[in-house]
């Protein structure tokens, strides 16, 4: 083959390769891919596998492969746990204000309401678990990470007062990033308010069970969350006051493996037991039945 012919052939091959690569890049262009509805699949933060929303729903939002517990909205928690149609919500009508006039706070509250389908980060009311009556409260981490502001603290105190009024045990599901910084000192005051309410519940001889879920941190973990007669935790939940990164930076030391996780705290005696979400309903029914028999 002559030099000119060889050069021409190489040029044609180069142009063909360029067209082929351009065509392939168009075929994998995300904008040309079919749209997948949001929420149809979820990726597990534990093992990295992806599952359909329907499959996770069947497993109560627990990874079928590694057992990772996905976060739950309050309404879903109640749906999985209490007897059908037994929940009667109380404490309606409370409205969060903006006491420090923080820019954007009102919009954040409105966005949180849309995201969680509830008015605040805590709901409570009367319910039954396998026929056993109780007062149940649930913190919702989808509402501003279940931070405790004035309304949340007030509703937690009211749930304890309602349990006293009805002479019923109180079961509270905890999940929180701590105090709500947009409310400043008004938020921190809720630690004393909620702790005082739980003290009154104890003085009445009524049972209080707290279930710590991922994450339970800050002022919530340092107040009512850890004042229960029985403290249960879901597996591998982060539980503590300051986060492990902050503690490590403060003390300038490496932390033990699994520090501030449920299993570590159970080993150190900070919680009573760890219960898988699939077994929570049965465990709570058993505890409620035992204390009803004993007259507590």
C-alpha atoms as a PDB file:
ATOM      1  CA  UNK A   1       0.000   0.000   0.000  1.00  0.00           C
ATOM      2  CA  UNK A   2       1.288   3.416  -1.000  1.00  0.00           C
ATOM      3  CA  UNK A   3       1.993   6.016   1.687  1.00  0.00           C
ATOM      4  CA  UNK A   4      -0.864   8.258   0.511  1.00  0.00           C
ATOM      5  CA  UNK A   5      -3.320   5.362   0.531  1.00  0.00           C
ATOM      6  CA  UNK A   6      -2.177   4.291   4.000  1.00  0.00           C
ATOM      7  CA  UNK A   7      -2.617   7.835   5.329  1.00  0.00           C
ATOM      8  CA  UNK A   8      -6.114   8.012   3.837  1.00  0.00           C
ATOM      9  CA  UNK A   9      -7.077   4.658   5.370  1.00  0.00           C
ATOM     10  CA  UNK A  10      -5.840   5.693   8.812  1.00  0.00           C
ATOM     11  CA  UNK A  11      -7.813   8.946   8.564  1.00  0.00           C
ATOM     12  CA  UNK A  12     -10.993   7.038   7.716  1.00  0.00           C
ATOM     13  CA  UNK A  13     -10.472   4.704  10.710  1.00  0.00           C
ATOM     14  CA  UNK A  14      -9.948   7.714  12.960  1.00  0.00           C
ATOM     15  CA  UNK A  15     -13.172   9.351  11.753  1.00  0.00           C
ATOM     16  CA  UNK A  16     -15.114   6.096  12.194  1.00  0.00           C
ATOM     17  CA  UNK A  17     -13.810   5.693  15.749  1.00  0.00           C
ATOM     18  CA  UNK A  18     -14.772   9.292  16.543  1.00  0.00           C
ATOM     19  CA  UNK A  19     -18.325   8.789  15.238  1.00  0.00           C
ATOM     20  CA  UNK A  20     -18.643   5.528  17.180  1.00  0.00           C
ATOM     21  CA  UNK A  21     -17.531   7.130  20.467  1.00  0.00           C
ATOM     22  CA  UNK A  22     -19.897  10.059  19.905  1.00  0.00           C
ATOM     23  CA  UNK A  23     -22.788   7.686  19.310  1.00  0.00           C
ATOM     24  CA  UNK A  24     -21.979   5.685  22.461  1.00  0.00           C
ATOM     25  CA  UNK A  25     -21.772   8.861  24.549  1.00  0.00           C
ATOM     26  CA  UNK A  26     -25.223   9.859  23.310  1.00  0.00           C
ATOM     27  CA  UNK A  27     -26.649   6.456  24.206  1.00  0.00           C
ATOM     28  CA  UNK A  28     -25.510   6.768  27.827  1.00  0.00           C
ATOM     29  CA  UNK A  29     -26.525  10.397  28.194  1.00  0.00           C
ATOM     30  CA  UNK A  30     -28.524  10.524  31.488  1.00  0.00           C
ATOM     31  CA  UNK A  31     -30.913  13.043  29.982  1.00  0.00           C
ATOM     32  CA  UNK A  32     -31.951  10.459  27.387  1.00  0.00           C
ATOM     33  CA  UNK A  33     -32.477   7.664  29.894  1.00  0.00           C
ATOM     34  CA  UNK A  34     -36.043   6.831  30.998  1.00  0.00           C
ATOM     35  CA  UNK A  35     -37.052   8.600  34.207  1.00  0.00           C
ATOM     36  CA  UNK A  36     -37.247   6.373  37.304  1.00  0.00           C
ATOM     37  CA  UNK A  37     -39.894   7.603  39.776  1.00  0.00           C
ATOM     38  CA  UNK A  38     -38.379   8.992  42.954  1.00  0.00           C
ATOM     39  CA  UNK A  39     -38.662   6.637  45.915  1.00  0.00           C
ATOM     40  CA  UNK A  40     -39.131   3.507  43.801  1.00  0.00           C
ATOM     41  CA  UNK A  41     -35.799   2.119  45.017  1.00  0.00           C
ATOM     42  CA  UNK A  42     -33.653   2.652  48.097  1.00  0.00           C
ATOM     43  CA  UNK A  43     -29.962   2.027  48.613  1.00  0.00           C
ATOM     44  CA  UNK A  44     -28.903   0.473  51.918  1.00  0.00           C
ATOM     45  CA  UNK A  45     -26.372   2.546  53.857  1.00  0.00           C
ATOM     46  CA  UNK A  46     -25.181  -0.636  55.537  1.00  0.00           C
ATOM     47  CA  UNK A  47     -24.268  -2.953  52.662  1.00  0.00           C
ATOM     48  CA  UNK A  48     -24.791  -0.755  49.616  1.00  0.00           C
ATOM     49  CA  UNK A  49     -27.401  -3.005  47.966  1.00  0.00           C
ATOM     50  CA  UNK A  50     -30.449  -1.479  46.310  1.00  0.00           C
ATOM     51  CA  UNK A  51     -33.982  -2.718  46.986  1.00  0.00           C
ATOM     52  CA  UNK A  52     -37.414  -1.827  45.741  1.00  0.00           C
ATOM     53  CA  UNK A  53     -39.578   0.224  48.081  1.00  0.00           C
ATOM     54  CA  UNK A  54     -42.159  -2.579  48.070  1.00  0.00           C
ATOM     55  CA  UNK A  55     -39.619  -5.135  49.298  1.00  0.00           C
ATOM     56  CA  UNK A  56     -38.441  -2.847  52.109  1.00  0.00           C
ATOM     57  CA  UNK A  57     -42.053  -2.203  53.070  1.00  0.00           C
ATOM     58  CA  UNK A  58     -42.556  -5.949  53.530  1.00  0.00           C
ATOM     59  CA  UNK A  59     -39.483  -5.996  55.790  1.00  0.00           C
ATOM     60  CA  UNK A  60     -40.623  -2.968  57.864  1.00  0.00           C
ATOM     61  CA  UNK A  61     -37.838  -0.846  56.336  1.00  0.00           C
ATOM     62  CA  UNK A  62     -35.067  -3.234  57.406  1.00  0.00           C
ATOM     63  CA  UNK A  63     -32.440  -4.329  54.865  1.00  0.00           C
ATOM     64  CA  UNK A  64     -33.061  -8.009  53.956  1.00  0.00           C
ATOM     65  CA  UNK A  65     -29.320  -8.543  53.395  1.00  0.00           C
ATOM     66  CA  UNK A  66     -27.529  -6.927  56.348  1.00  0.00           C
ATOM     67  CA  UNK A  67     -30.288  -5.955  58.780  1.00  0.00           C
ATOM     68  CA  UNK A  68     -29.658  -2.207  58.514  1.00  0.00           C
ATOM     69  CA  UNK A  69     -32.592  -0.280  60.005  1.00  0.00           C
ATOM     70  CA  UNK A  70     -33.756   2.542  57.753  1.00  0.00           C
ATOM     71  CA  UNK A  71     -35.141   5.659  59.411  1.00  0.00           C
ATOM     72  CA  UNK A  72     -38.924   5.730  59.774  1.00  0.00           C
ATOM     73  CA  UNK A  73     -41.430   8.528  59.634  1.00  0.00           C
ATOM     74  CA  UNK A  74     -43.609   8.738  62.738  1.00  0.00           C
ATOM     75  CA  UNK A  75     -46.761   7.720  60.880  1.00  0.00           C
ATOM     76  CA  UNK A  76     -45.018   4.637  59.463  1.00  0.00           C
ATOM     77  CA  UNK A  77     -43.670   3.697  62.898  1.00  0.00           C
ATOM     78  CA  UNK A  78     -47.196   3.733  64.288  1.00  0.00           C
ATOM     79  CA  UNK A  79     -48.538   1.807  61.306  1.00  0.00           C
ATOM     80  CA  UNK A  80     -46.021  -0.995  61.838  1.00  0.00           C
ATOM     81  CA  UNK A  81     -46.386  -1.112  65.607  1.00  0.00           C
ATOM     82  CA  UNK A  82     -49.856  -0.444  67.032  1.00  0.00           C
ATOM     83  CA  UNK A  83     -53.114  -2.284  66.466  1.00  0.00           C
ATOM     84  CA  UNK A  84     -54.967  -1.171  63.359  1.00  0.00           C
ATOM     85  CA  UNK A  85     -57.208   1.882  63.898  1.00  0.00           C
ATOM     86  CA  UNK A  86     -56.287   2.006  67.598  1.00  0.00           C
ATOM     87  CA  UNK A  87     -54.186   5.183  67.542  1.00  0.00           C
ATOM     88  CA  UNK A  88     -56.013   8.336  68.655  1.00  0.00           C
ATOM     89  CA  UNK A  89     -53.755  11.367  68.341  1.00  0.00           C
ATOM     90  CA  UNK A  90     -53.725  13.946  71.135  1.00  0.00           C
ATOM     91  CA  UNK A  91     -52.058  17.315  71.572  1.00  0.00           C
ATOM     92  CA  UNK A  92     -53.223  18.782  68.286  1.00  0.00           C
ATOM     93  CA  UNK A  93     -53.152  22.477  67.459  1.00  0.00           C
ATOM     94  CA  UNK A  94     -49.710  23.480  68.752  1.00  0.00           C
ATOM     95  CA  UNK A  95     -47.882  25.893  66.445  1.00  0.00           C
ATOM     96  CA  UNK A  96     -44.142  26.558  66.435  1.00  0.00           C
ATOM     97  CA  UNK A  97     -43.270  30.251  66.563  1.00  0.00           C
ATOM     98  CA  UNK A  98     -40.067  32.084  65.681  1.00  0.00           C
ATOM     99  CA  UNK A  99     -39.026  33.566  69.064  1.00  0.00           C
ATOM    100  CA  UNK A 100     -35.580  34.705  67.876  1.00  0.00           C
ATOM    101  CA  UNK A 101     -36.753  35.934  64.456  1.00  0.00           C
ATOM    102  CA  UNK A 102     -34.331  33.647  62.653  1.00  0.00           C
ATOM    103  CA  UNK A 103     -34.339  34.244  58.910  1.00  0.00           C
ATOM    104  CA  UNK A 104     -35.710  31.285  57.009  1.00  0.00           C
ATOM    105  CA  UNK A 105     -36.952  29.382  60.078  1.00  0.00           C
ATOM    106  CA  UNK A 106     -40.627  29.671  59.169  1.00  0.00           C
ATOM    107  CA  UNK A 107     -39.921  28.314  55.696  1.00  0.00           C
ATOM    108  CA  UNK A 108     -37.944  25.405  57.167  1.00  0.00           C
ATOM    109  CA  UNK A 109     -40.915  24.560  59.371  1.00  0.00           C
ATOM    110  CA  UNK A 110     -43.231  24.623  56.372  1.00  0.00           C
ATOM    111  CA  UNK A 111     -40.877  22.418  54.333  1.00  0.00           C
ATOM    112  CA  UNK A 112     -40.610  19.953  57.223  1.00  0.00           C
ATOM    113  CA  UNK A 113     -44.406  19.716  57.453  1.00  0.00           C
ATOM    114  CA  UNK A 114     -44.611  18.869  53.769  1.00  0.00           C
ATOM    115  CA  UNK A 115     -41.830  16.285  54.018  1.00  0.00           C
ATOM    116  CA  UNK A 116     -43.109  14.467  57.114  1.00  0.00           C
ATOM    117  CA  UNK A 117     -46.901  14.974  56.792  1.00  0.00           C
ATOM    118  CA  UNK A 118     -47.127  16.047  60.440  1.00  0.00           C
ATOM    119  CA  UNK A 119     -47.233  19.457  62.153  1.00  0.00           C
ATOM    120  CA  UNK A 120     -44.191  18.976  64.397  1.00  0.00           C
ATOM    121  CA  UNK A 121     -41.370  16.549  65.119  1.00  0.00           C
ATOM    122  CA  UNK A 122     -43.317  14.657  67.817  1.00  0.00           C
ATOM    123  CA  UNK A 123     -46.771  13.109  67.862  1.00  0.00           C
ATOM    124  CA  UNK A 124     -48.459  11.216  70.678  1.00  0.00           C
ATOM    125  CA  UNK A 125     -51.753   9.672  71.629  1.00  0.00           C
ATOM    126  CA  UNK A 126     -53.670   6.652  72.884  1.00  0.00           C
ATOM    127  CA  UNK A 127     -53.102   3.272  71.226  1.00  0.00           C
ATOM    128  CA  UNK A 128     -53.077  -0.478  71.750  1.00  0.00           C
ATOM    129  CA  UNK A 129     -50.401  -3.066  71.080  1.00  0.00           C
ATOM    130  CA  UNK A 130     -51.870  -6.548  70.742  1.00  0.00           C
ATOM    131  CA  UNK A 131     -54.775  -5.314  72.852  1.00  0.00           C
ATOM    132  CA  UNK A 132     -52.671  -3.684  75.572  1.00  0.00           C
ATOM    133  CA  UNK A 133     -53.561   0.015  76.085  1.00  0.00           C
ATOM    134  CA  UNK A 134     -50.811   2.628  76.337  1.00  0.00           C
ATOM    135  CA  UNK A 135     -49.844   6.192  75.589  1.00  0.00           C
ATOM    136  CA  UNK A 136     -47.344   6.250  72.735  1.00  0.00           C
ATOM    137  CA  UNK A 137     -45.157   9.085  71.487  1.00  0.00           C
ATOM    138  CA  UNK A 138     -42.949   9.102  68.388  1.00  0.00           C
ATOM    139  CA  UNK A 139     -40.265  11.561  67.336  1.00  0.00           C
ATOM    140  CA  UNK A 140     -39.911  12.007  63.570  1.00  0.00           C
ATOM    141  CA  UNK A 141     -36.383  12.549  62.245  1.00  0.00           C
ATOM    142  CA  UNK A 142     -37.820  13.660  58.887  1.00  0.00           C
ATOM    143  CA  UNK A 143     -39.006  16.842  60.620  1.00  0.00           C
ATOM    144  CA  UNK A 144     -35.860  18.963  61.057  1.00  0.00           C
ATOM    145  CA  UNK A 145     -34.019  15.873  62.337  1.00  0.00           C
ATOM    146  CA  UNK A 146     -36.539  15.691  65.216  1.00  0.00           C
ATOM    147  CA  UNK A 147     -34.854  18.621  66.908  1.00  0.00           C
ATOM    148  CA  UNK A 148     -36.518  19.586  70.193  1.00  0.00           C
ATOM    149  CA  UNK A 149     -38.024  23.052  70.167  1.00  0.00           C
ATOM    150  CA  UNK A 150     -40.693  24.582  72.392  1.00  0.00           C
ATOM    151  CA  UNK A 151     -43.595  22.699  70.819  1.00  0.00           C
ATOM    152  CA  UNK A 152     -41.816  19.329  70.881  1.00  0.00           C
ATOM    153  CA  UNK A 153     -40.919  19.793  74.553  1.00  0.00           C
ATOM    154  CA  UNK A 154     -44.459  20.841  75.399  1.00  0.00           C
ATOM    155  CA  UNK A 155     -45.994  17.855  73.618  1.00  0.00           C
ATOM    156  CA  UNK A 156     -43.593  15.431  75.314  1.00  0.00           C
ATOM    157  CA  UNK A 157     -44.584  16.883  78.699  1.00  0.00           C
ATOM    158  CA  UNK A 158     -48.259  16.654  77.716  1.00  0.00           C
ATOM    159  CA  UNK A 159     -47.875  12.994  76.732  1.00  0.00           C
ATOM    160  CA  UNK A 160     -46.544  12.221  80.222  1.00  0.00           C
ATOM    161  CA  UNK A 161     -49.433  14.172  81.787  1.00  0.00           C
ATOM    162  CA  UNK A 162     -51.916  12.294  79.601  1.00  0.00           C
ATOM    163  CA  UNK A 163     -50.428   8.969  80.720  1.00  0.00           C
ATOM    164  CA  UNK A 164     -50.870  10.074  84.344  1.00  0.00           C
ATOM    165  CA  UNK A 165     -54.453  11.134  83.688  1.00  0.00           C
ATOM    166  CA  UNK A 166     -55.339   7.814  82.046  1.00  0.00           C
ATOM    167  CA  UNK A 167     -53.167   5.720  84.414  1.00  0.00           C
ATOM    168  CA  UNK A 168     -51.444   4.127  81.447  1.00  0.00           C
ATOM    169  CA  UNK A 169     -47.817   3.266  80.636  1.00  0.00           C
ATOM    170  CA  UNK A 170     -45.907   5.601  78.325  1.00  0.00           C
ATOM    171  CA  UNK A 171     -43.812   4.251  75.451  1.00  0.00           C
ATOM    172  CA  UNK A 172     -41.726   6.795  73.579  1.00  0.00           C
ATOM    173  CA  UNK A 173     -39.744   6.280  70.373  1.00  0.00           C
ATOM    174  CA  UNK A 174     -36.775   8.628  70.337  1.00  0.00           C
ATOM    175  CA  UNK A 175     -34.836   9.937  67.341  1.00  0.00           C
ATOM    176  CA  UNK A 176     -33.269  13.376  67.449  1.00  0.00           C
ATOM    177  CA  UNK A 177     -30.352  15.546  66.479  1.00  0.00           C
ATOM    178  CA  UNK A 178     -30.771  17.412  69.772  1.00  0.00           C
ATOM    179  CA  UNK A 179     -31.969  20.899  70.662  1.00  0.00           C
ATOM    180  CA  UNK A 180     -33.422  23.087  67.906  1.00  0.00           C
ATOM    181  CA  UNK A 181     -30.820  25.793  67.459  1.00  0.00           C
ATOM    182  CA  UNK A 182     -33.264  28.199  65.780  1.00  0.00           C
ATOM    183  CA  UNK A 183     -35.006  28.600  69.163  1.00  0.00           C
ATOM    184  CA  UNK A 184     -31.892  29.089  71.280  1.00  0.00           C
ATOM    185  CA  UNK A 185     -32.432  29.055  75.050  1.00  0.00           C
ATOM    186  CA  UNK A 186     -36.147  28.307  74.564  1.00  0.00           C
ATOM    187  CA  UNK A 187     -35.092  24.964  73.112  1.00  0.00           C
ATOM    188  CA  UNK A 188     -32.631  24.167  75.903  1.00  0.00           C
ATOM    189  CA  UNK A 189     -35.352  24.873  78.487  1.00  0.00           C
ATOM    190  CA  UNK A 190     -37.251  21.853  77.142  1.00  0.00           C
ATOM    191  CA  UNK A 191     -34.658  19.540  78.672  1.00  0.00           C
ATOM    192  CA  UNK A 192     -35.779  20.586  82.145  1.00  0.00           C
ATOM    193  CA  UNK A 193     -39.456  20.565  81.190  1.00  0.00           C
ATOM    194  CA  UNK A 194     -39.434  17.054  79.746  1.00  0.00           C
ATOM    195  CA  UNK A 195     -37.289  15.685  82.588  1.00  0.00           C
ATOM    196  CA  UNK A 196     -39.696  17.156  85.133  1.00  0.00           C
ATOM    197  CA  UNK A 197     -42.658  15.587  83.349  1.00  0.00           C
ATOM    198  CA  UNK A 198     -41.018  12.147  83.425  1.00  0.00           C
ATOM    199  CA  UNK A 199     -40.243  12.607  87.130  1.00  0.00           C
ATOM    200  CA  UNK A 200     -43.951  13.169  87.804  1.00  0.00           C
ATOM    201  CA  UNK A 201     -44.724  10.017  85.840  1.00  0.00           C
ATOM    202  CA  UNK A 202     -42.278   8.049  88.014  1.00  0.00           C
ATOM    203  CA  UNK A 203     -43.811   9.495  91.202  1.00  0.00           C
ATOM    204  CA  UNK A 204     -47.197   8.171  90.065  1.00  0.00           C
ATOM    205  CA  UNK A 205     -45.708   4.689  89.754  1.00  0.00           C
ATOM    206  CA  UNK A 206     -46.376   4.460  86.020  1.00  0.00           C
ATOM    207  CA  UNK A 207     -44.157   2.604  83.562  1.00  0.00           C
ATOM    208  CA  UNK A 208     -42.051   4.549  81.072  1.00  0.00           C
ATOM    209  CA  UNK A 209     -40.277   2.722  78.229  1.00  0.00           C
ATOM    210  CA  UNK A 210     -38.053   4.566  75.782  1.00  0.00           C
ATOM    211  CA  UNK A 211     -36.959   3.058  72.481  1.00  0.00           C
ATOM    212  CA  UNK A 212     -33.819   4.750  71.173  1.00  0.00           C
ATOM    213  CA  UNK A 213     -33.490   4.751  67.391  1.00  0.00           C
ATOM    214  CA  UNK A 214     -30.890   6.138  65.021  1.00  0.00           C
ATOM    215  CA  UNK A 215     -29.823   8.778  65.862  1.00  0.00           C
ATOM    216  CA  UNK A 216     -30.541   9.808  69.474  1.00  0.00           C
ATOM    217  CA  UNK A 217     -28.220  12.664  70.344  1.00  0.00           C
ATOM    218  CA  UNK A 218     -27.813  16.061  71.996  1.00  0.00           C
ATOM    219  CA  UNK A 219     -30.192  17.506  74.558  1.00  0.00           C
ATOM    220  CA  UNK A 220     -32.787  14.808  73.916  1.00  0.00           C
ATOM    221  CA  UNK A 221     -30.391  12.004  74.876  1.00  0.00           C
ATOM    222  CA  UNK A 222     -29.381  14.028  77.952  1.00  0.00           C
ATOM    223  CA  UNK A 223     -32.940  14.458  79.206  1.00  0.00           C
ATOM    224  CA  UNK A 224     -36.142  12.401  78.929  1.00  0.00           C
ATOM    225  CA  UNK A 225     -34.736   9.786  76.511  1.00  0.00           C
ATOM    226  CA  UNK A 226     -32.509   8.179  79.135  1.00  0.00           C
ATOM    227  CA  UNK A 227     -34.819   8.566  82.160  1.00  0.00           C
ATOM    228  CA  UNK A 228     -36.968   5.552  81.340  1.00  0.00           C
ATOM    229  CA  UNK A 229     -37.584   2.534  83.547  1.00  0.00           C
ATOM    230  CA  UNK A 230     -36.657   0.345  80.597  1.00  0.00           C
ATOM    231  CA  UNK A 231     -34.393   1.580  77.804  1.00  0.00           C
ATOM    232  CA  UNK A 232     -34.526  -0.334  74.528  1.00  0.00           C
ATOM    233  CA  UNK A 233     -32.487   0.451  71.425  1.00  0.00           C
ATOM    234  CA  UNK A 234     -32.644  -0.607  67.811  1.00  0.00           C
ATOM    235  CA  UNK A 235     -29.493  -2.274  66.418  1.00  0.00           C
ATOM    236  CA  UNK A 236     -26.501  -0.082  65.546  1.00  0.00           C
ATOM    237  CA  UNK A 237     -28.255   3.161  66.501  1.00  0.00           C
ATOM    238  CA  UNK A 238     -26.049   6.170  67.244  1.00  0.00           C
ATOM    239  CA  UNK A 239     -26.735   7.222  70.842  1.00  0.00           C
ATOM    240  CA  UNK A 240     -24.905   9.922  72.730  1.00  0.00           C
ATOM    241  CA  UNK A 241     -24.659  13.604  73.604  1.00  0.00           C
ATOM    242  CA  UNK A 242     -21.897  14.986  71.386  1.00  0.00           C
ATOM    243  CA  UNK A 243     -21.027  13.092  68.208  1.00  0.00           C
ATOM    244  CA  UNK A 244     -17.961  10.829  68.062  1.00  0.00           C
ATOM    245  CA  UNK A 245     -16.121  13.205  65.717  1.00  0.00           C
ATOM    246  CA  UNK A 246     -16.541  16.110  68.165  1.00  0.00           C
ATOM    247  CA  UNK A 247     -15.405  13.967  71.103  1.00  0.00           C
ATOM    248  CA  UNK A 248     -12.363  12.706  69.220  1.00  0.00           C
ATOM    249  CA  UNK A 249     -11.339  16.261  68.304  1.00  0.00           C
ATOM    250  CA  UNK A 250     -11.850  17.404  71.902  1.00  0.00           C
ATOM    251  CA  UNK A 251      -9.937  14.694  73.767  1.00  0.00           C
ATOM    252  CA  UNK A 252      -7.382  14.129  70.978  1.00  0.00           C
ATOM    253  CA  UNK A 253      -7.695  10.355  71.304  1.00  0.00           C
ATOM    254  CA  UNK A 254      -8.947   7.536  69.115  1.00  0.00           C
ATOM    255  CA  UNK A 255     -12.307   6.175  70.230  1.00  0.00           C
ATOM    256  CA  UNK A 256     -13.124   2.489  70.786  1.00  0.00           C
ATOM    257  CA  UNK A 257     -14.598   0.587  67.861  1.00  0.00           C
ATOM    258  CA  UNK A 258     -18.373   0.957  67.750  1.00  0.00           C
ATOM    259  CA  UNK A 259     -18.285   3.862  70.190  1.00  0.00           C
ATOM    260  CA  UNK A 260     -21.769   5.308  70.900  1.00  0.00           C
ATOM    261  CA  UNK A 261     -23.537   2.551  69.024  1.00  0.00           C
ATOM    262  CA  UNK A 262     -26.296   0.472  70.626  1.00  0.00           C
ATOM    263  CA  UNK A 263     -24.129  -2.605  71.063  1.00  0.00           C
ATOM    264  CA  UNK A 264     -21.348  -0.641  72.763  1.00  0.00           C
ATOM    265  CA  UNK A 265     -23.806   1.041  75.148  1.00  0.00           C
ATOM    266  CA  UNK A 266     -25.493  -2.254  76.008  1.00  0.00           C
ATOM    267  CA  UNK A 267     -22.098  -3.727  76.880  1.00  0.00           C
ATOM    268  CA  UNK A 268     -21.409  -0.740  79.165  1.00  0.00           C
ATOM    269  CA  UNK A 269     -24.819  -0.934  80.853  1.00  0.00           C
ATOM    270  CA  UNK A 270     -26.205   2.321  79.451  1.00  0.00           C
ATOM    271  CA  UNK A 271     -29.202   0.606  77.850  1.00  0.00           C
ATOM    272  CA  UNK A 272     -31.109  -2.483  78.907  1.00  0.00           C
ATOM    273  CA  UNK A 273     -31.478  -4.372  75.659  1.00  0.00           C
ATOM    274  CA  UNK A 274     -31.324  -4.205  71.867  1.00  0.00           C
ATOM    275  CA  UNK A 275     -34.409  -5.320  69.964  1.00  0.00           C
ATOM    276  CA  UNK A 276     -34.681  -5.854  66.217  1.00  0.00           C
ATOM    277  CA  UNK A 277     -37.539  -3.911  64.639  1.00  0.00           C
ATOM    278  CA  UNK A 278     -39.258  -7.146  63.624  1.00  0.00           C
ATOM    279  CA  UNK A 279     -39.496  -8.120  67.304  1.00  0.00           C
ATOM    280  CA  UNK A 280     -40.407  -4.747  68.832  1.00  0.00           C
ATOM    281  CA  UNK A 281     -44.162  -5.219  68.789  1.00  0.00           C
ATOM    282  CA  UNK A 282     -43.956  -8.567  70.562  1.00  0.00           C
ATOM    283  CA  UNK A 283     -41.359  -7.320  73.067  1.00  0.00           C
ATOM    284  CA  UNK A 284     -43.392  -4.246  74.002  1.00  0.00           C
ATOM    285  CA  UNK A 285     -46.547  -6.315  74.388  1.00  0.00           C
ATOM    286  CA  UNK A 286     -44.712  -8.698  76.689  1.00  0.00           C
ATOM    287  CA  UNK A 287     -43.346  -5.853  78.838  1.00  0.00           C
ATOM    288  CA  UNK A 288     -46.716  -4.131  79.038  1.00  0.00           C
ATOM    289  CA  UNK A 289     -48.410  -7.417  79.991  1.00  0.00           C
ATOM    290  CA  UNK A 290     -45.853  -8.152  82.717  1.00  0.00           C
ATOM    291  CA  UNK A 291     -46.270  -4.735  84.328  1.00  0.00           C
ATOM    292  CA  UNK A 292     -50.045  -4.895  84.130  1.00  0.00           C
ATOM    293  CA  UNK A 293     -49.955  -8.180  86.024  1.00  0.00           C
ATOM    294  CA  UNK A 294     -47.552  -6.786  88.634  1.00  0.00           C
ATOM    295  CA  UNK A 295     -49.799  -3.799  89.195  1.00  0.00           C
ATOM    296  CA  UNK A 296     -47.354  -1.128  88.032  1.00  0.00           C
END
